[in-house]
Amino acid sequence: MASPPSPSPRGAFERRFAALMAEAQAGGPNAAQAARRAAAMALARD
């Protein structure tokens, strides 16, 4: 079940960040890249 898109940019950030973290924690060939992207998003947000 897909949730309706959130109108707030914060919601979009949190969904993207959560997706990257899930990919990073799952392992696999893209795990390191996903972790770096999630970290970069978190740093850029401050």
PDB file of N, CA and C in Angstrom:
ATOM      1  N   MET A   1       0.842  -1.189   0.000  1.00  0.00           N
ATOM      2  CA  MET A   1       0.000   0.000   0.000  1.00  0.00           C
ATOM      3  C   MET A   1       0.880   1.243   0.000  1.00  0.00           C
ATOM      4  N   ALA A   2       0.709   2.057  -1.010  1.00  0.00           N
ATOM      5  CA  ALA A   2       1.492   3.291  -1.089  1.00  0.00           C
ATOM      6  C   ALA A   2       0.751   4.392  -0.337  1.00  0.00           C
ATOM      7  N   SER A   3       1.507   5.137   0.438  1.00  0.00           N
ATOM      8  CA  SER A   3       0.877   6.252   1.140  1.00  0.00           C
ATOM      9  C   SER A   3       0.837   7.446   0.199  1.00  0.00           C
ATOM     10  N   PRO A   4      -0.115   8.326   0.387  1.00  0.00           N
ATOM     11  CA  PRO A   4      -0.189   9.496  -0.497  1.00  0.00           C
ATOM     12  C   PRO A   4       1.040  10.376  -0.303  1.00  0.00           C
ATOM     13  N   PRO A   5       1.466  11.055  -1.363  1.00  0.00           N
ATOM     14  CA  PRO A   5       2.661  11.894  -1.234  1.00  0.00           C
ATOM     15  C   PRO A   5       2.447  13.004  -0.219  1.00  0.00           C
ATOM     16  N   SER A   6       3.467  13.272   0.534  1.00  0.00           N
ATOM     17  CA  SER A   6       3.376  14.319   1.547  1.00  0.00           C
ATOM     18  C   SER A   6       3.667  15.667   0.907  1.00  0.00           C
ATOM     19  N   PRO A   7       2.897  16.687   1.238  1.00  0.00           N
ATOM     20  CA  PRO A   7       3.158  17.999   0.649  1.00  0.00           C
ATOM     21  C   PRO A   7       4.387  18.689   1.246  1.00  0.00           C
ATOM     22  N   SER A   8       4.850  18.195   2.398  1.00  0.00           N
ATOM     23  CA  SER A   8       5.963  18.878   3.051  1.00  0.00           C
ATOM     24  C   SER A   8       7.299  18.334   2.571  1.00  0.00           C
ATOM     25  N   PRO A   9       8.270  19.218   2.367  1.00  0.00           N
ATOM     26  CA  PRO A   9       9.605  18.762   1.980  1.00  0.00           C
ATOM     27  C   PRO A   9      10.230  17.864   3.041  1.00  0.00           C
ATOM     28  N   ARG A  10       9.885  18.092   4.298  1.00  0.00           N
ATOM     29  CA  ARG A  10      10.421  17.269   5.376  1.00  0.00           C
ATOM     30  C   ARG A  10       9.995  15.817   5.203  1.00  0.00           C
ATOM     31  N   GLY A  11       8.751  15.601   4.847  1.00  0.00           N
ATOM     32  CA  GLY A  11       8.275  14.245   4.640  1.00  0.00           C
ATOM     33  C   GLY A  11       9.003  13.565   3.493  1.00  0.00           C
ATOM     34  N   ALA A  12       9.260  14.310   2.428  1.00  0.00           N
ATOM     35  CA  ALA A  12       9.980  13.757   1.281  1.00  0.00           C
ATOM     36  C   ALA A  12      11.400  13.398   1.681  1.00  0.00           C
ATOM     37  N   PHE A  13      12.045  14.254   2.460  1.00  0.00           N
ATOM     38  CA  PHE A  13      13.405  13.974   2.923  1.00  0.00           C
ATOM     39  C   PHE A  13      13.422  12.705   3.759  1.00  0.00           C
ATOM     40  N   GLU A  14      12.483  12.614   4.687  1.00  0.00           N
ATOM     41  CA  GLU A  14      12.468  11.468   5.594  1.00  0.00           C
ATOM     42  C   GLU A  14      12.207  10.166   4.854  1.00  0.00           C
ATOM     43  N   ARG A  15      11.335  10.190   3.857  1.00  0.00           N
ATOM     44  CA  ARG A  15      11.081   8.978   3.075  1.00  0.00           C
ATOM     45  C   ARG A  15      12.325   8.570   2.290  1.00  0.00           C
ATOM     46  N   ARG A  16      13.001   9.533   1.678  1.00  0.00           N
ATOM     47  CA  ARG A  16      14.197   9.228   0.893  1.00  0.00           C
ATOM     48  C   ARG A  16      15.326   8.723   1.795  1.00  0.00           C
ATOM     49  N   PHE A  17      15.484   9.398   2.943  1.00  0.00           N
ATOM     50  CA  PHE A  17      16.522   9.003   3.883  1.00  0.00           C
ATOM     51  C   PHE A  17      16.269   7.582   4.390  1.00  0.00           C
ATOM     52  N   ALA A  18      15.026   7.283   4.730  1.00  0.00           N
ATOM     53  CA  ALA A  18      14.675   5.953   5.227  1.00  0.00           C
ATOM     54  C   ALA A  18      14.931   4.890   4.159  1.00  0.00           C
ATOM     55  N   ALA A  19      14.639   5.212   2.903  1.00  0.00           N
ATOM     56  CA  ALA A  19      14.871   4.249   1.826  1.00  0.00           C
ATOM     57  C   ALA A  19      16.367   3.977   1.663  1.00  0.00           C
ATOM     58  N   LEU A  20      17.182   5.022   1.733  1.00  0.00           N
ATOM     59  CA  LEU A  20      18.628   4.847   1.614  1.00  0.00           C
ATOM     60  C   LEU A  20      19.182   4.045   2.786  1.00  0.00           C
ATOM     61  N   MET A  21      18.710   4.344   3.982  1.00  0.00           N
ATOM     62  CA  MET A  21      19.201   3.611   5.153  1.00  0.00           C
ATOM     63  C   MET A  21      18.807   2.137   5.081  1.00  0.00           C
ATOM     64  N   ALA A  22      17.599   1.865   4.616  1.00  0.00           N
ATOM     65  CA  ALA A  22      17.169   0.469   4.488  1.00  0.00           C
ATOM     66  C   ALA A  22      18.050  -0.255   3.482  1.00  0.00           C
ATOM     67  N   GLU A  23      18.373   0.410   2.384  1.00  0.00           N
ATOM     68  CA  GLU A  23      19.242  -0.202   1.377  1.00  0.00           C
ATOM     69  C   GLU A  23      20.636  -0.439   1.948  1.00  0.00           C
ATOM     70  N   ALA A  24      21.137   0.529   2.703  1.00  0.00           N
ATOM     71  CA  ALA A  24      22.471   0.397   3.286  1.00  0.00           C
ATOM     72  C   ALA A  24      22.514  -0.758   4.286  1.00  0.00           C
ATOM     73  N   GLN A  25      21.462  -0.904   5.093  1.00  0.00           N
ATOM     74  CA  GLN A  25      21.438  -1.948   6.116  1.00  0.00           C
ATOM     75  C   GLN A  25      21.210  -3.330   5.522  1.00  0.00           C
ATOM     76  N   ALA A  26      20.585  -3.379   4.341  1.00  0.00           N
ATOM     77  CA  ALA A  26      20.301  -4.666   3.714  1.00  0.00           C
ATOM     78  C   ALA A  26      21.560  -5.299   3.143  1.00  0.00           C
ATOM     79  N   GLY A  27      22.584  -4.500   2.922  1.00  0.00           N
ATOM     80  CA  GLY A  27      23.804  -5.027   2.320  1.00  0.00           C
ATOM     81  C   GLY A  27      23.670  -5.077   0.813  1.00  0.00           C
ATOM     82  N   GLY A  28      24.565  -5.792   0.182  1.00  0.00           N
ATOM     83  CA  GLY A  28      24.507  -5.888  -1.266  1.00  0.00           C
ATOM     84  C   GLY A  28      25.477  -4.913  -1.919  1.00  0.00           C
ATOM     85  N   PRO A  29      25.477  -4.908  -3.242  1.00  0.00           N
ATOM     86  CA  PRO A  29      26.494  -4.145  -3.967  1.00  0.00           C
ATOM     87  C   PRO A  29      26.366  -2.625  -3.814  1.00  0.00           C
ATOM     88  N   ASN A  30      25.173  -2.142  -3.499  1.00  0.00           N
ATOM     89  CA  ASN A  30      24.973  -0.694  -3.411  1.00  0.00           C
ATOM     90  C   ASN A  30      24.902  -0.178  -1.977  1.00  0.00           C
ATOM     91  N   ALA A  31      25.184  -1.033  -1.021  1.00  0.00           N
ATOM     92  CA  ALA A  31      25.022  -0.657   0.388  1.00  0.00           C
ATOM     93  C   ALA A  31      25.933   0.502   0.775  1.00  0.00           C
ATOM     94  N   ALA A  32      27.194   0.448   0.386  1.00  0.00           N
ATOM     95  CA  ALA A  32      28.128   1.512   0.765  1.00  0.00           C
ATOM     96  C   ALA A  32      27.731   2.834   0.127  1.00  0.00           C
ATOM     97  N   GLN A  33      27.331   2.795  -1.124  1.00  0.00           N
ATOM     98  CA  GLN A  33      26.923   4.022  -1.805  1.00  0.00           C
ATOM     99  C   GLN A  33      25.662   4.602  -1.142  1.00  0.00           C
ATOM    100  N   ALA A  34      24.720   3.753  -0.806  1.00  0.00           N
ATOM    101  CA  ALA A  34      23.495   4.217  -0.158  1.00  0.00           C
ATOM    102  C   ALA A  34      23.815   4.855   1.190  1.00  0.00           C
ATOM    103  N   ALA A  35      24.744   4.261   1.932  1.00  0.00           N
ATOM    104  CA  ALA A  35      25.121   4.820   3.231  1.00  0.00           C
ATOM    105  C   ALA A  35      25.775   6.187   3.059  1.00  0.00           C
ATOM    106  N   ARG A  36      26.636   6.316   2.060  1.00  0.00           N
ATOM    107  CA  ARG A  36      27.278   7.619   1.811  1.00  0.00           C
ATOM    108  C   ARG A  36      26.252   8.671   1.415  1.00  0.00           C
ATOM    109  N   ARG A  37      25.300   8.283   0.585  1.00  0.00           N
ATOM    110  CA  ARG A  37      24.286   9.244   0.148  1.00  0.00           C
ATOM    111  C   ARG A  37      23.401   9.675   1.320  1.00  0.00           C
ATOM    112  N   ALA A  38      23.045   8.723   2.183  1.00  0.00           N
ATOM    113  CA  ALA A  38      22.232   9.055   3.356  1.00  0.00           C
ATOM    114  C   ALA A  38      22.996  10.005   4.275  1.00  0.00           C
ATOM    115  N   ALA A  39      24.291   9.741   4.468  1.00  0.00           N
ATOM    116  CA  ALA A  39      25.100  10.616   5.317  1.00  0.00           C
ATOM    117  C   ALA A  39      25.211  12.006   4.710  1.00  0.00           C
ATOM    118  N   ALA A  40      25.401  12.077   3.405  1.00  0.00           N
ATOM    119  CA  ALA A  40      25.505  13.380   2.739  1.00  0.00           C
ATOM    120  C   ALA A  40      24.189  14.159   2.856  1.00  0.00           C
ATOM    121  N   MET A  41      23.066  13.443   2.736  1.00  0.00           N
ATOM    122  CA  MET A  41      21.762  14.115   2.882  1.00  0.00           C
ATOM    123  C   MET A  41      21.618  14.687   4.292  1.00  0.00           C
ATOM    124  N   ALA A  42      21.995  13.893   5.284  1.00  0.00           N
ATOM    125  CA  ALA A  42      21.851  14.337   6.673  1.00  0.00           C
ATOM    126  C   ALA A  42      22.745  15.540   6.952  1.00  0.00           C
ATOM    127  N   LEU A  43      23.963  15.520   6.424  1.00  0.00           N
ATOM    128  CA  LEU A  43      24.874  16.650   6.646  1.00  0.00           C
ATOM    129  C   LEU A  43      24.400  17.900   5.919  1.00  0.00           C
ATOM    130  N   ALA A  44      23.889  17.743   4.718  1.00  0.00           N
ATOM    131  CA  ALA A  44      23.442  18.888   3.931  1.00  0.00           C
ATOM    132  C   ALA A  44      22.193  19.524   4.531  1.00  0.00           C
ATOM    133  N   ARG A  45      21.451  18.748   5.294  1.00  0.00           N
ATOM    134  CA  ARG A  45      20.196  19.247   5.853  1.00  0.00           C
ATOM    135  C   ARG A  45      20.429  20.252   6.977  1.00  0.00           C
ATOM    136  N   ASP A  46      21.528  20.115   7.699  1.00  0.00           N
ATOM    137  CA  ASP A  46      21.802  21.012   8.833  1.00  0.00           C
ATOM    138  C   ASP A  46      22.040  22.435   8.378  1.00  0.00           C
TER     139      ASP A  46
END
